[in-house]
């Protein structure tokens, strides 16, 4: 079984186990439960506008979703299983800010 198949199997198993309890609790495996905080002046303005309009901002995405989106946006392809695993195992709380590290030799960011 290759790494991609293993990752997909693990995701399916996790989702199945999350719904296997006696209580039906919604588990948002594609969202992060980190608190939304403005990261700069633009965020402050956007958050203020959303609050004024009575709109609750969406939750942050999970690290798995984030790494997929960054690779697609920056170099136009999905991360390799090794790149995704490396990002997911990184415990640095500022790892999302290190977008400049995304890229492969010969790619626009690499």
C-alpha atoms as a PDB file:
ATOM      1  CA  UNK A   1       0.000   0.000   0.000  1.00  0.00           C
ATOM      2  CA  UNK A   2       1.544   3.318  -0.998  1.00  0.00           C
ATOM      3  CA  UNK A   3       1.741   6.381   1.232  1.00  0.00           C
ATOM      4  CA  UNK A   4      -1.155   8.242  -0.422  1.00  0.00           C
ATOM      5  CA  UNK A   5      -3.442   5.233  -0.011  1.00  0.00           C
ATOM      6  CA  UNK A   6      -2.306   4.912   3.602  1.00  0.00           C
ATOM      7  CA  UNK A   7      -3.093   8.569   4.292  1.00  0.00           C
ATOM      8  CA  UNK A   8      -6.536   8.261   2.691  1.00  0.00           C
ATOM      9  CA  UNK A   9      -7.242   5.083   4.656  1.00  0.00           C
ATOM     10  CA  UNK A  10      -6.198   6.789   7.891  1.00  0.00           C
ATOM     11  CA  UNK A  11      -8.469   9.754   7.139  1.00  0.00           C
ATOM     12  CA  UNK A  12     -11.445   7.492   6.400  1.00  0.00           C
ATOM     13  CA  UNK A  13     -10.786   5.453   9.551  1.00  0.00           C
ATOM     14  CA  UNK A  14     -10.526   8.624  11.650  1.00  0.00           C
ATOM     15  CA  UNK A  15     -13.817   9.918  10.255  1.00  0.00           C
ATOM     16  CA  UNK A  16     -15.503   6.562  10.864  1.00  0.00           C
ATOM     17  CA  UNK A  17     -14.233   6.333  14.433  1.00  0.00           C
ATOM     18  CA  UNK A  18     -15.339   9.897  15.133  1.00  0.00           C
ATOM     19  CA  UNK A  19     -18.906   8.904  14.279  1.00  0.00           C
ATOM     20  CA  UNK A  20     -18.807   5.533  16.069  1.00  0.00           C
ATOM     21  CA  UNK A  21     -19.544   6.833  19.581  1.00  0.00           C
ATOM     22  CA  UNK A  22     -22.910   6.568  21.282  1.00  0.00           C
ATOM     23  CA  UNK A  23     -23.378  10.334  21.123  1.00  0.00           C
ATOM     24  CA  UNK A  24     -23.647  12.048  17.765  1.00  0.00           C
ATOM     25  CA  UNK A  25     -21.089  14.831  17.967  1.00  0.00           C
ATOM     26  CA  UNK A  26     -20.072  16.804  14.895  1.00  0.00           C
ATOM     27  CA  UNK A  27     -16.328  16.506  14.328  1.00  0.00           C
ATOM     28  CA  UNK A  28     -14.915  19.041  11.885  1.00  0.00           C
ATOM     29  CA  UNK A  29     -11.792  17.213  10.733  1.00  0.00           C
ATOM     30  CA  UNK A  30     -11.102  19.821   8.045  1.00  0.00           C
ATOM     31  CA  UNK A  31     -11.197  22.765  10.450  1.00  0.00           C
ATOM     32  CA  UNK A  32      -8.851  23.996  13.135  1.00  0.00           C
ATOM     33  CA  UNK A  33     -10.228  24.994  16.490  1.00  0.00           C
ATOM     34  CA  UNK A  34      -7.622  27.699  16.935  1.00  0.00           C
ATOM     35  CA  UNK A  35      -8.917  31.087  17.960  1.00  0.00           C
ATOM     36  CA  UNK A  36      -9.319  33.572  15.133  1.00  0.00           C
ATOM     37  CA  UNK A  37      -7.093  36.557  15.779  1.00  0.00           C
ATOM     38  CA  UNK A  38      -6.209  39.403  13.421  1.00  0.00           C
ATOM     39  CA  UNK A  39      -2.681  39.061  12.018  1.00  0.00           C
ATOM     40  CA  UNK A  40      -2.417  42.632  10.751  1.00  0.00           C
ATOM     41  CA  UNK A  41      -4.262  45.820   9.930  1.00  0.00           C
ATOM     42  CA  UNK A  42      -6.158  44.324   6.978  1.00  0.00           C
ATOM     43  CA  UNK A  43      -7.430  41.486   9.187  1.00  0.00           C
ATOM     44  CA  UNK A  44      -8.551  44.031  11.786  1.00  0.00           C
ATOM     45  CA  UNK A  45     -10.552  45.930   9.157  1.00  0.00           C
ATOM     46  CA  UNK A  46     -12.091  42.746   7.724  1.00  0.00           C
ATOM     47  CA  UNK A  47     -13.021  41.400  11.173  1.00  0.00           C
ATOM     48  CA  UNK A  48     -14.573  44.757  12.120  1.00  0.00           C
ATOM     49  CA  UNK A  49     -16.598  44.779   8.888  1.00  0.00           C
ATOM     50  CA  UNK A  50     -17.802  41.219   9.433  1.00  0.00           C
ATOM     51  CA  UNK A  51     -18.785  42.042  13.015  1.00  0.00           C
ATOM     52  CA  UNK A  52     -20.665  45.169  11.878  1.00  0.00           C
ATOM     53  CA  UNK A  53     -22.584  43.045   9.360  1.00  0.00           C
ATOM     54  CA  UNK A  54     -23.272  40.304  11.908  1.00  0.00           C
ATOM     55  CA  UNK A  55     -21.282  37.712   9.978  1.00  0.00           C
ATOM     56  CA  UNK A  56     -19.353  35.068  11.905  1.00  0.00           C
ATOM     57  CA  UNK A  57     -16.016  34.389  10.148  1.00  0.00           C
ATOM     58  CA  UNK A  58     -15.308  30.811   9.102  1.00  0.00           C
ATOM     59  CA  UNK A  59     -13.023  28.703  11.264  1.00  0.00           C
ATOM     60  CA  UNK A  60      -9.416  28.273  10.209  1.00  0.00           C
ATOM     61  CA  UNK A  61      -8.791  25.227   8.063  1.00  0.00           C
ATOM     62  CA  UNK A  62      -6.873  22.239   9.396  1.00  0.00           C
ATOM     63  CA  UNK A  63      -3.146  21.901   8.738  1.00  0.00           C
ATOM     64  CA  UNK A  64      -3.839  19.174   6.174  1.00  0.00           C
ATOM     65  CA  UNK A  65      -6.172  21.410   4.192  1.00  0.00           C
ATOM     66  CA  UNK A  66      -3.792  24.366   4.576  1.00  0.00           C
ATOM     67  CA  UNK A  67      -0.735  22.562   3.173  1.00  0.00           C
ATOM     68  CA  UNK A  68      -2.764  21.283   0.203  1.00  0.00           C
ATOM     69  CA  UNK A  69      -4.094  24.769  -0.579  1.00  0.00           C
ATOM     70  CA  UNK A  70      -0.690  26.436  -0.257  1.00  0.00           C
ATOM     71  CA  UNK A  71       0.999  23.988  -2.613  1.00  0.00           C
ATOM     72  CA  UNK A  72      -1.791  24.311  -5.178  1.00  0.00           C
ATOM     73  CA  UNK A  73      -1.733  28.121  -4.959  1.00  0.00           C
ATOM     74  CA  UNK A  74       2.054  28.564  -4.959  1.00  0.00           C
ATOM     75  CA  UNK A  75       3.367  25.870  -7.304  1.00  0.00           C
ATOM     76  CA  UNK A  76       0.206  24.481  -8.891  1.00  0.00           C
ATOM     77  CA  UNK A  77       0.505  20.917  -7.650  1.00  0.00           C
ATOM     78  CA  UNK A  78      -0.233  18.883  -4.552  1.00  0.00           C
ATOM     79  CA  UNK A  79       2.526  18.283  -2.011  1.00  0.00           C
ATOM     80  CA  UNK A  80       4.232  14.913  -2.100  1.00  0.00           C
ATOM     81  CA  UNK A  81       3.339  12.574   0.773  1.00  0.00           C
ATOM     82  CA  UNK A  82       6.744  13.360   2.312  1.00  0.00           C
ATOM     83  CA  UNK A  83       6.174  17.146   2.056  1.00  0.00           C
ATOM     84  CA  UNK A  84       2.697  16.858   3.562  1.00  0.00           C
ATOM     85  CA  UNK A  85       3.928  14.619   6.390  1.00  0.00           C
ATOM     86  CA  UNK A  86       6.836  16.935   7.138  1.00  0.00           C
ATOM     87  CA  UNK A  87       4.472  19.909   7.413  1.00  0.00           C
ATOM     88  CA  UNK A  88       1.918  18.016   9.509  1.00  0.00           C
ATOM     89  CA  UNK A  89       4.551  16.726  11.952  1.00  0.00           C
ATOM     90  CA  UNK A  90       6.142  20.173  12.387  1.00  0.00           C
ATOM     91  CA  UNK A  91       5.211  21.464  15.877  1.00  0.00           C
ATOM     92  CA  UNK A  92       6.248  25.076  15.180  1.00  0.00           C
ATOM     93  CA  UNK A  93       3.186  27.255  15.888  1.00  0.00           C
ATOM     94  CA  UNK A  94       4.339  29.652  13.139  1.00  0.00           C
ATOM     95  CA  UNK A  95       4.766  27.011  10.417  1.00  0.00           C
ATOM     96  CA  UNK A  96       1.929  28.474   8.325  1.00  0.00           C
ATOM     97  CA  UNK A  97       3.865  31.713   8.031  1.00  0.00           C
ATOM     98  CA  UNK A  98       6.789  29.921   6.379  1.00  0.00           C
ATOM     99  CA  UNK A  99       5.103  29.831   2.974  1.00  0.00           C
ATOM    100  CA  UNK A 100       8.406  30.841   1.328  1.00  0.00           C
ATOM    101  CA  UNK A 101       9.717  27.339   2.079  1.00  0.00           C
ATOM    102  CA  UNK A 102       7.139  25.794  -0.279  1.00  0.00           C
ATOM    103  CA  UNK A 103       8.598  24.751  -3.589  1.00  0.00           C
ATOM    104  CA  UNK A 104      10.583  22.198  -5.474  1.00  0.00           C
ATOM    105  CA  UNK A 105      13.643  22.502  -7.670  1.00  0.00           C
ATOM    106  CA  UNK A 106      12.549  23.991 -10.971  1.00  0.00           C
ATOM    107  CA  UNK A 107       9.215  25.221  -9.643  1.00  0.00           C
ATOM    108  CA  UNK A 108       8.263  28.893  -9.340  1.00  0.00           C
ATOM    109  CA  UNK A 109       8.847  28.849  -5.562  1.00  0.00           C
ATOM    110  CA  UNK A 110      11.779  26.447  -5.530  1.00  0.00           C
END
